[in-house]
Amino acid sequence: MSAIAYIGLGSNLDQPIQQLLTAYQELANLPETTFLAGSSLYSSKPVGPQDQPDFVNAVVKLETKLSAIALLDALQALEQQHQRVRLRHWGPRTLDLDLLLYDQQQIALPRLSVPHPQMHLRGFVLLPLAEISPEIVIPGKGSITTILSNITIDDLQILLKTE
């Protein structure tokens, strides 16, 4: 049985655009997983500490036979391959991969919360998600178009349009 999963990507260190493009390829190569779509790359202001570079963000859509926890493990392994270091909360990073949605499941585990707890507040997640799946409904929050109409996305700019 396979699931549709959405992954949020972010980077603001060591050539962030290249970090995300490389991550697109790595996500496409995950075992038992098919890359279905990738959003454009967006520039956004950092959440939290402002004494860091702007972020590059995107969202990808995967079809996977991996369980949610196995997918999380694979995402964290990719972060480590990109030398992700967690120095402070909401700090700079080479690559951040967040499991946003896993089918329409609601998952509450010590290591994993799905839907991602803050995604409905983050334009840098919602706009690229809406780009690749404009019909999506976020469990417990509603349709993406309604959620997007209630938040500010003025600081987002497309850096690189994907096909």
N, C-alpha and C. Protein backbone atom coordinates (compact mmCIF):
# COMPACT_ATOMS: atom_id res chain seq x y z
N MET A 1 0.85 -1.18 0.00
CA MET A 1 0.00 0.00 0.00
C MET A 1 0.89 1.23 0.00
N SER A 2 0.60 2.16 -0.87
CA SER A 2 1.43 3.37 -0.92
C SER A 2 0.65 4.57 -0.40
N ALA A 3 1.41 5.60 -0.04
CA ALA A 3 0.85 6.83 0.50
C ALA A 3 1.38 8.01 -0.30
N ILE A 4 0.61 9.09 -0.31
CA ILE A 4 1.08 10.35 -0.89
C ILE A 4 1.61 11.18 0.27
N ALA A 5 2.86 11.61 0.13
CA ALA A 5 3.51 12.40 1.18
C ALA A 5 3.99 13.72 0.58
N TYR A 6 3.90 14.76 1.37
CA TYR A 6 4.41 16.07 0.98
C TYR A 6 5.55 16.43 1.92
N ILE A 7 6.66 16.87 1.34
CA ILE A 7 7.86 17.21 2.10
C ILE A 7 8.16 18.68 1.89
N GLY A 8 8.35 19.41 2.99
CA GLY A 8 8.79 20.80 2.92
C GLY A 8 10.31 20.83 2.95
N LEU A 9 10.91 21.64 2.07
CA LEU A 9 12.36 21.77 2.00
C LEU A 9 12.74 23.21 2.30
N GLY A 10 13.85 23.39 3.01
CA GLY A 10 14.35 24.73 3.28
C GLY A 10 15.86 24.70 3.43
N SER A 11 16.50 25.81 3.04
CA SER A 11 17.94 25.95 3.18
C SER A 11 18.29 27.43 3.15
N ASN A 12 19.30 27.81 3.95
CA ASN A 12 19.83 29.17 3.83
C ASN A 12 21.34 29.21 4.01
N LEU A 13 22.00 28.06 3.84
CA LEU A 13 23.46 27.99 3.94
C LEU A 13 24.03 27.20 2.76
N ASP A 14 25.29 27.51 2.41
CA ASP A 14 26.05 26.72 1.44
C ASP A 14 25.29 26.50 0.13
N GLN A 15 25.01 27.58 -0.57
CA GLN A 15 24.32 27.53 -1.87
C GLN A 15 22.93 26.89 -1.75
N PRO A 16 22.01 27.61 -1.10
CA PRO A 16 20.68 27.03 -0.82
C PRO A 16 19.92 26.52 -2.04
N ILE A 17 20.01 27.22 -3.16
CA ILE A 17 19.30 26.75 -4.35
C ILE A 17 19.84 25.38 -4.75
N GLN A 18 21.15 25.25 -4.76
CA GLN A 18 21.76 23.97 -5.13
C GLN A 18 21.43 22.88 -4.10
N GLN A 19 21.38 23.26 -2.82
CA GLN A 19 21.00 22.29 -1.77
C GLN A 19 19.62 21.69 -2.08
N LEU A 20 18.66 22.55 -2.45
CA LEU A 20 17.30 22.07 -2.72
C LEU A 20 17.24 21.26 -4.01
N LEU A 21 17.93 21.70 -5.04
CA LEU A 21 17.92 20.94 -6.30
C LEU A 21 18.55 19.56 -6.11
N THR A 22 19.61 19.49 -5.32
CA THR A 22 20.22 18.20 -5.01
C THR A 22 19.25 17.34 -4.20
N ALA A 23 18.57 17.95 -3.24
CA ALA A 23 17.60 17.22 -2.42
C ALA A 23 16.45 16.68 -3.28
N TYR A 24 16.03 17.42 -4.31
CA TYR A 24 14.99 16.92 -5.21
C TYR A 24 15.43 15.58 -5.79
N GLN A 25 16.69 15.52 -6.27
CA GLN A 25 17.20 14.28 -6.86
C GLN A 25 17.28 13.16 -5.82
N GLU A 26 17.74 13.51 -4.62
CA GLU A 26 17.87 12.50 -3.56
C GLU A 26 16.51 11.97 -3.13
N LEU A 27 15.51 12.84 -3.05
CA LEU A 27 14.16 12.39 -2.70
C LEU A 27 13.61 11.48 -3.78
N ALA A 28 13.91 11.78 -5.04
CA ALA A 28 13.46 10.93 -6.15
C ALA A 28 14.10 9.55 -6.10
N ASN A 29 15.24 9.44 -5.44
CA ASN A 29 15.97 8.17 -5.35
C ASN A 29 15.71 7.38 -4.07
N LEU A 30 14.80 7.86 -3.22
CA LEU A 30 14.49 7.11 -2.00
C LEU A 30 13.90 5.75 -2.38
N PRO A 31 14.20 4.72 -1.58
CA PRO A 31 13.64 3.39 -1.89
C PRO A 31 12.12 3.39 -1.80
N GLU A 32 11.50 2.61 -2.67
CA GLU A 32 10.05 2.42 -2.67
C GLU A 32 9.29 3.74 -2.77
N THR A 33 9.88 4.71 -3.45
CA THR A 33 9.31 6.05 -3.51
C THR A 33 9.39 6.58 -4.94
N THR A 34 8.32 7.26 -5.36
CA THR A 34 8.28 7.91 -6.67
C THR A 34 8.08 9.40 -6.47
N PHE A 35 8.91 10.19 -7.14
CA PHE A 35 8.80 11.65 -7.12
C PHE A 35 7.68 12.04 -8.08
N LEU A 36 6.63 12.69 -7.57
CA LEU A 36 5.48 13.06 -8.40
C LEU A 36 5.52 14.51 -8.86
N ALA A 37 5.97 15.42 -7.99
CA ALA A 37 5.97 16.84 -8.34
C ALA A 37 6.87 17.61 -7.39
N GLY A 38 7.42 18.69 -7.92
CA GLY A 38 8.22 19.60 -7.11
C GLY A 38 7.82 21.03 -7.42
N SER A 39 7.67 21.83 -6.38
CA SER A 39 7.28 23.23 -6.58
C SER A 39 8.46 24.05 -7.08
N SER A 40 8.16 25.28 -7.45
CA SER A 40 9.20 26.26 -7.70
C SER A 40 9.96 26.50 -6.40
N LEU A 41 11.12 27.13 -6.51
CA LEU A 41 11.89 27.50 -5.32
C LEU A 41 11.56 28.94 -4.97
N TYR A 42 11.26 29.16 -3.70
CA TYR A 42 10.83 30.46 -3.21
C TYR A 42 11.84 31.02 -2.20
N SER A 43 12.00 32.32 -2.21
CA SER A 43 12.80 33.01 -1.21
C SER A 43 11.86 33.50 -0.12
N SER A 44 12.29 33.35 1.15
CA SER A 44 11.47 33.83 2.27
C SER A 44 12.37 34.33 3.39
N LYS A 45 11.81 35.24 4.17
CA LYS A 45 12.51 35.73 5.36
C LYS A 45 12.54 34.62 6.39
N PRO A 46 13.59 34.59 7.23
CA PRO A 46 13.64 33.54 8.27
C PRO A 46 12.54 33.71 9.30
N VAL A 47 12.07 32.59 9.84
CA VAL A 47 11.19 32.58 11.00
C VAL A 47 12.12 32.59 12.21
N GLY A 48 11.81 33.36 13.21
CA GLY A 48 12.69 33.41 14.38
C GLY A 48 13.82 34.40 14.19
N PRO A 49 15.05 34.02 14.57
CA PRO A 49 16.17 34.96 14.52
C PRO A 49 16.38 35.54 13.12
N GLN A 50 16.45 36.87 13.05
CA GLN A 50 16.59 37.55 11.75
C GLN A 50 18.05 37.77 11.35
N ASP A 51 18.99 37.39 12.21
CA ASP A 51 20.42 37.59 11.93
C ASP A 51 21.00 36.42 11.13
N GLN A 52 20.27 36.04 10.07
CA GLN A 52 20.69 34.94 9.22
C GLN A 52 20.18 35.21 7.81
N PRO A 53 20.76 34.55 6.82
CA PRO A 53 20.32 34.78 5.43
C PRO A 53 18.87 34.35 5.21
N ASP A 54 18.25 34.92 4.16
CA ASP A 54 16.92 34.48 3.75
C ASP A 54 16.98 33.00 3.38
N PHE A 55 15.83 32.36 3.45
CA PHE A 55 15.72 30.94 3.12
C PHE A 55 15.27 30.75 1.69
N VAL A 56 15.59 29.58 1.15
CA VAL A 56 15.00 29.08 -0.08
C VAL A 56 14.13 27.91 0.33
N ASN A 57 12.86 27.93 -0.11
CA ASN A 57 11.90 26.91 0.30
C ASN A 57 11.20 26.30 -0.91
N ALA A 58 10.73 25.08 -0.73
CA ALA A 58 9.98 24.37 -1.76
C ALA A 58 9.19 23.25 -1.09
N VAL A 59 8.31 22.62 -1.86
CA VAL A 59 7.57 21.45 -1.41
C VAL A 59 7.60 20.42 -2.53
N VAL A 60 7.78 19.15 -2.16
CA VAL A 60 7.69 18.06 -3.13
C VAL A 60 6.58 17.10 -2.74
N LYS A 61 6.05 16.45 -3.75
CA LYS A 61 5.00 15.44 -3.59
C LYS A 61 5.58 14.10 -3.98
N LEU A 62 5.49 13.13 -3.08
CA LEU A 62 6.02 11.79 -3.30
C LEU A 62 4.91 10.76 -3.16
N GLU A 63 5.06 9.67 -3.87
CA GLU A 63 4.27 8.47 -3.59
C GLU A 63 5.25 7.47 -3.00
N THR A 64 4.94 6.93 -1.83
CA THR A 64 5.90 6.07 -1.15
C THR A 64 5.22 4.88 -0.51
N LYS A 65 5.96 3.79 -0.45
CA LYS A 65 5.53 2.61 0.30
C LYS A 65 6.16 2.59 1.68
N LEU A 66 7.03 3.58 1.96
CA LEU A 66 7.64 3.69 3.29
C LEU A 66 6.58 4.14 4.29
N SER A 67 6.67 3.63 5.51
CA SER A 67 5.80 4.13 6.57
C SER A 67 6.19 5.58 6.87
N ALA A 68 5.34 6.27 7.59
CA ALA A 68 5.65 7.67 7.94
C ALA A 68 6.95 7.76 8.73
N ILE A 69 7.17 6.85 9.67
CA ILE A 69 8.40 6.88 10.48
C ILE A 69 9.61 6.52 9.62
N ALA A 70 9.49 5.55 8.75
CA ALA A 70 10.61 5.19 7.86
C ALA A 70 10.94 6.35 6.93
N LEU A 71 9.92 7.05 6.46
CA LEU A 71 10.15 8.22 5.62
C LEU A 71 10.85 9.32 6.42
N LEU A 72 10.40 9.55 7.64
CA LEU A 72 11.07 10.54 8.52
C LEU A 72 12.54 10.18 8.70
N ASP A 73 12.82 8.91 8.96
CA ASP A 73 14.21 8.47 9.12
C ASP A 73 15.02 8.75 7.86
N ALA A 74 14.44 8.49 6.70
CA ALA A 74 15.13 8.75 5.43
C ALA A 74 15.39 10.24 5.24
N LEU A 75 14.42 11.08 5.62
CA LEU A 75 14.59 12.53 5.50
C LEU A 75 15.70 13.02 6.42
N GLN A 76 15.71 12.52 7.64
CA GLN A 76 16.75 12.94 8.59
C GLN A 76 18.13 12.46 8.14
N ALA A 77 18.20 11.31 7.51
CA ALA A 77 19.48 10.83 6.97
C ALA A 77 19.97 11.75 5.85
N LEU A 78 19.04 12.21 5.00
CA LEU A 78 19.42 13.15 3.94
C LEU A 78 19.92 14.47 4.54
N GLU A 79 19.26 14.95 5.59
CA GLU A 79 19.73 16.17 6.25
C GLU A 79 21.17 15.99 6.73
N GLN A 80 21.46 14.83 7.29
CA GLN A 80 22.81 14.57 7.79
C GLN A 80 23.82 14.52 6.65
N GLN A 81 23.43 13.97 5.51
CA GLN A 81 24.32 13.94 4.34
C GLN A 81 24.66 15.35 3.88
N HIS A 82 23.77 16.30 4.15
CA HIS A 82 23.99 17.71 3.80
C HIS A 82 24.65 18.47 4.95
N GLN A 83 25.19 17.74 5.91
CA GLN A 83 25.88 18.32 7.08
C GLN A 83 25.01 19.29 7.86
N ARG A 84 23.74 18.93 8.05
CA ARG A 84 22.86 19.77 8.86
C ARG A 84 23.35 19.75 10.30
N VAL A 85 23.48 20.94 10.87
CA VAL A 85 23.87 21.10 12.28
C VAL A 85 22.78 21.93 12.95
N ARG A 86 22.29 21.46 14.09
CA ARG A 86 21.24 22.16 14.81
C ARG A 86 21.87 22.95 15.96
N LEU A 87 22.23 24.20 15.67
CA LEU A 87 22.88 25.03 16.68
C LEU A 87 21.88 25.79 17.54
N ARG A 88 20.76 26.19 16.94
CA ARG A 88 19.72 26.88 17.70
C ARG A 88 18.39 26.71 17.00
N HIS A 89 17.32 26.84 17.80
CA HIS A 89 15.96 26.71 17.27
C HIS A 89 15.73 27.77 16.19
N TRP A 90 15.20 27.35 15.04
CA TRP A 90 14.93 28.22 13.90
C TRP A 90 16.19 28.91 13.39
N GLY A 91 17.33 28.27 13.58
CA GLY A 91 18.59 28.83 13.12
C GLY A 91 18.89 28.46 11.68
N PRO A 92 20.02 28.92 11.17
CA PRO A 92 20.40 28.62 9.80
C PRO A 92 20.66 27.13 9.60
N ARG A 93 20.49 26.67 8.37
CA ARG A 93 20.72 25.26 8.09
C ARG A 93 21.04 25.03 6.62
N THR A 94 21.78 23.97 6.38
CA THR A 94 22.08 23.60 4.99
C THR A 94 20.87 22.97 4.34
N LEU A 95 20.14 22.13 5.09
CA LEU A 95 18.95 21.49 4.54
C LEU A 95 18.01 21.10 5.67
N ASP A 96 16.76 21.49 5.52
CA ASP A 96 15.70 21.12 6.44
C ASP A 96 14.64 20.40 5.62
N LEU A 97 14.29 19.19 6.03
CA LEU A 97 13.26 18.40 5.35
C LEU A 97 12.18 18.07 6.37
N ASP A 98 10.97 18.55 6.14
CA ASP A 98 9.85 18.32 7.05
C ASP A 98 8.78 17.49 6.36
N LEU A 99 8.35 16.43 7.03
CA LEU A 99 7.21 15.65 6.56
C LEU A 99 5.96 16.44 6.91
N LEU A 100 5.34 17.03 5.89
CA LEU A 100 4.19 17.91 6.10
C LEU A 100 2.90 17.14 6.20
N LEU A 101 2.67 16.26 5.21
CA LEU A 101 1.45 15.48 5.12
C LEU A 101 1.78 14.07 4.69
N TYR A 102 1.02 13.12 5.21
CA TYR A 102 1.18 11.71 4.85
C TYR A 102 -0.23 11.18 4.64
N ASP A 103 -0.63 11.10 3.35
CA ASP A 103 -2.04 10.87 3.00
C ASP A 103 -2.88 11.88 3.77
N GLN A 104 -3.99 11.47 4.28
CA GLN A 104 -4.82 12.37 5.10
C GLN A 104 -4.72 11.98 6.57
N GLN A 105 -3.62 11.31 6.91
CA GLN A 105 -3.46 10.83 8.28
C GLN A 105 -3.12 11.96 9.25
N GLN A 106 -3.57 11.77 10.47
CA GLN A 106 -3.16 12.63 11.58
C GLN A 106 -2.34 11.75 12.50
N ILE A 107 -1.07 12.09 12.67
CA ILE A 107 -0.12 11.27 13.42
C ILE A 107 0.42 12.11 14.57
N ALA A 108 0.38 11.55 15.77
CA ALA A 108 0.93 12.23 16.95
C ALA A 108 1.83 11.25 17.70
N LEU A 109 3.11 11.32 17.38
CA LEU A 109 4.11 10.48 18.02
C LEU A 109 5.19 11.38 18.62
N PRO A 110 5.99 10.87 19.55
CA PRO A 110 7.04 11.73 20.12
C PRO A 110 7.98 12.33 19.06
N ARG A 111 8.27 11.58 18.00
CA ARG A 111 9.20 12.06 16.96
C ARG A 111 8.52 12.68 15.76
N LEU A 112 7.21 12.55 15.64
CA LEU A 112 6.55 12.96 14.41
C LEU A 112 5.12 13.43 14.66
N SER A 113 4.82 14.62 14.14
CA SER A 113 3.46 15.14 14.15
C SER A 113 3.07 15.46 12.72
N VAL A 114 1.99 14.84 12.26
CA VAL A 114 1.48 15.06 10.91
C VAL A 114 -0.02 15.31 11.03
N PRO A 115 -0.54 16.35 10.37
CA PRO A 115 0.15 17.36 9.60
C PRO A 115 1.19 18.11 10.45
N HIS A 116 2.20 18.63 9.76
CA HIS A 116 3.23 19.39 10.46
C HIS A 116 2.53 20.50 11.26
N PRO A 117 2.84 20.63 12.56
CA PRO A 117 2.07 21.50 13.46
C PRO A 117 1.98 22.98 13.05
N GLN A 118 2.99 23.51 12.39
CA GLN A 118 2.97 24.93 12.05
C GLN A 118 2.71 25.22 10.57
N MET A 119 2.49 24.19 9.77
CA MET A 119 2.41 24.41 8.33
C MET A 119 1.30 25.35 7.91
N HIS A 120 0.19 25.34 8.62
CA HIS A 120 -0.95 26.19 8.24
C HIS A 120 -0.68 27.68 8.51
N LEU A 121 0.44 27.98 9.18
CA LEU A 121 0.81 29.37 9.47
C LEU A 121 1.95 29.86 8.60
N ARG A 122 2.50 29.01 7.78
CA ARG A 122 3.73 29.31 7.05
C ARG A 122 3.48 29.47 5.55
N GLY A 123 3.53 30.71 5.09
CA GLY A 123 3.35 30.96 3.66
C GLY A 123 4.37 30.25 2.81
N PHE A 124 5.61 30.11 3.34
CA PHE A 124 6.67 29.45 2.57
C PHE A 124 6.44 27.96 2.42
N VAL A 125 5.49 27.41 3.16
CA VAL A 125 5.05 26.02 2.98
C VAL A 125 3.78 25.99 2.12
N LEU A 126 2.83 26.84 2.46
CA LEU A 126 1.52 26.79 1.82
C LEU A 126 1.55 27.18 0.34
N LEU A 127 2.29 28.22 -0.02
CA LEU A 127 2.30 28.66 -1.41
C LEU A 127 2.90 27.60 -2.34
N PRO A 128 4.09 27.03 -2.00
CA PRO A 128 4.58 25.96 -2.88
C PRO A 128 3.70 24.71 -2.86
N LEU A 129 3.10 24.41 -1.72
CA LEU A 129 2.18 23.27 -1.65
C LEU A 129 0.97 23.50 -2.56
N ALA A 130 0.42 24.70 -2.53
CA ALA A 130 -0.73 25.03 -3.38
C ALA A 130 -0.34 24.99 -4.86
N GLU A 131 0.90 25.33 -5.15
CA GLU A 131 1.37 25.31 -6.54
C GLU A 131 1.29 23.89 -7.13
N ILE A 132 1.67 22.88 -6.33
CA ILE A 132 1.69 21.51 -6.87
C ILE A 132 0.41 20.73 -6.57
N SER A 133 -0.38 21.16 -5.57
CA SER A 133 -1.64 20.47 -5.24
C SER A 133 -2.69 21.49 -4.78
N PRO A 134 -3.22 22.26 -5.72
CA PRO A 134 -4.14 23.34 -5.34
C PRO A 134 -5.44 22.87 -4.69
N GLU A 135 -5.76 21.59 -4.83
CA GLU A 135 -7.02 21.06 -4.28
C GLU A 135 -6.85 20.47 -2.88
N ILE A 136 -5.64 20.49 -2.35
CA ILE A 136 -5.38 19.75 -1.11
C ILE A 136 -6.13 20.33 0.09
N VAL A 137 -6.52 19.42 0.96
CA VAL A 137 -7.13 19.78 2.24
C VAL A 137 -6.18 19.31 3.33
N ILE A 138 -5.86 20.21 4.26
CA ILE A 138 -4.99 19.87 5.37
C ILE A 138 -5.87 19.37 6.52
N PRO A 139 -5.67 18.11 6.92
CA PRO A 139 -6.54 17.54 7.96
C PRO A 139 -6.59 18.43 9.21
N GLY A 140 -7.81 18.71 9.63
CA GLY A 140 -8.02 19.52 10.82
C GLY A 140 -7.90 21.02 10.60
N LYS A 141 -7.52 21.44 9.38
CA LYS A 141 -7.30 22.88 9.13
C LYS A 141 -8.15 23.40 7.97
N GLY A 142 -8.43 22.57 6.97
CA GLY A 142 -9.26 23.00 5.86
C GLY A 142 -8.52 23.05 4.54
N SER A 143 -9.18 23.65 3.54
CA SER A 143 -8.61 23.70 2.19
C SER A 143 -7.45 24.69 2.15
N ILE A 144 -6.48 24.38 1.32
CA ILE A 144 -5.30 25.22 1.23
C ILE A 144 -5.65 26.61 0.71
N THR A 145 -6.62 26.70 -0.20
CA THR A 145 -6.98 28.01 -0.73
C THR A 145 -7.56 28.91 0.37
N THR A 146 -8.38 28.34 1.23
CA THR A 146 -8.94 29.12 2.34
C THR A 146 -7.85 29.53 3.32
N ILE A 147 -6.98 28.60 3.67
CA ILE A 147 -5.89 28.92 4.61
C ILE A 147 -4.98 30.00 4.03
N LEU A 148 -4.61 29.85 2.77
CA LEU A 148 -3.74 30.84 2.12
C LEU A 148 -4.36 32.23 2.09
N SER A 149 -5.67 32.30 1.95
CA SER A 149 -6.34 33.61 1.87
C SER A 149 -6.31 34.34 3.21
N ASN A 150 -5.94 33.63 4.27
CA ASN A 150 -5.94 34.23 5.61
C ASN A 150 -4.55 34.51 6.16
N ILE A 151 -3.50 34.34 5.35
CA ILE A 151 -2.14 34.63 5.84
C ILE A 151 -1.44 35.57 4.86
N THR A 152 -0.35 36.16 5.32
CA THR A 152 0.43 37.07 4.48
C THR A 152 1.53 36.30 3.77
N ILE A 153 1.63 36.52 2.47
CA ILE A 153 2.69 35.86 1.69
C ILE A 153 3.49 36.90 0.90
N ASP A 154 3.42 38.16 1.33
CA ASP A 154 4.08 39.25 0.61
C ASP A 154 5.59 39.09 0.51
N ASP A 155 6.22 38.42 1.48
CA ASP A 155 7.68 38.33 1.48
C ASP A 155 8.21 37.20 0.58
N LEU A 156 7.30 36.42 -0.03
CA LEU A 156 7.74 35.29 -0.85
C LEU A 156 7.98 35.73 -2.30
N GLN A 157 9.09 35.25 -2.86
CA GLN A 157 9.40 35.51 -4.26
C GLN A 157 9.88 34.22 -4.90
N ILE A 158 9.44 33.99 -6.13
CA ILE A 158 9.92 32.82 -6.86
C ILE A 158 11.35 33.09 -7.31
N LEU A 159 12.25 32.18 -6.94
CA LEU A 159 13.65 32.26 -7.36
C LEU A 159 13.92 31.43 -8.60
N LEU A 160 13.27 30.28 -8.66
CA LEU A 160 13.49 29.35 -9.76
C LEU A 160 12.20 28.60 -10.02
N LYS A 161 11.67 28.75 -11.22
CA LYS A 161 10.43 28.07 -11.61
C LYS A 161 10.77 26.66 -12.06
N THR A 162 10.03 25.69 -11.58
CA THR A 162 10.26 24.31 -12.00
C THR A 162 9.25 23.94 -13.07
N GLU A 163 9.56 22.92 -13.80
CA GLU A 163 8.68 22.47 -14.89
C GLU A 163 7.63 21.53 -14.35
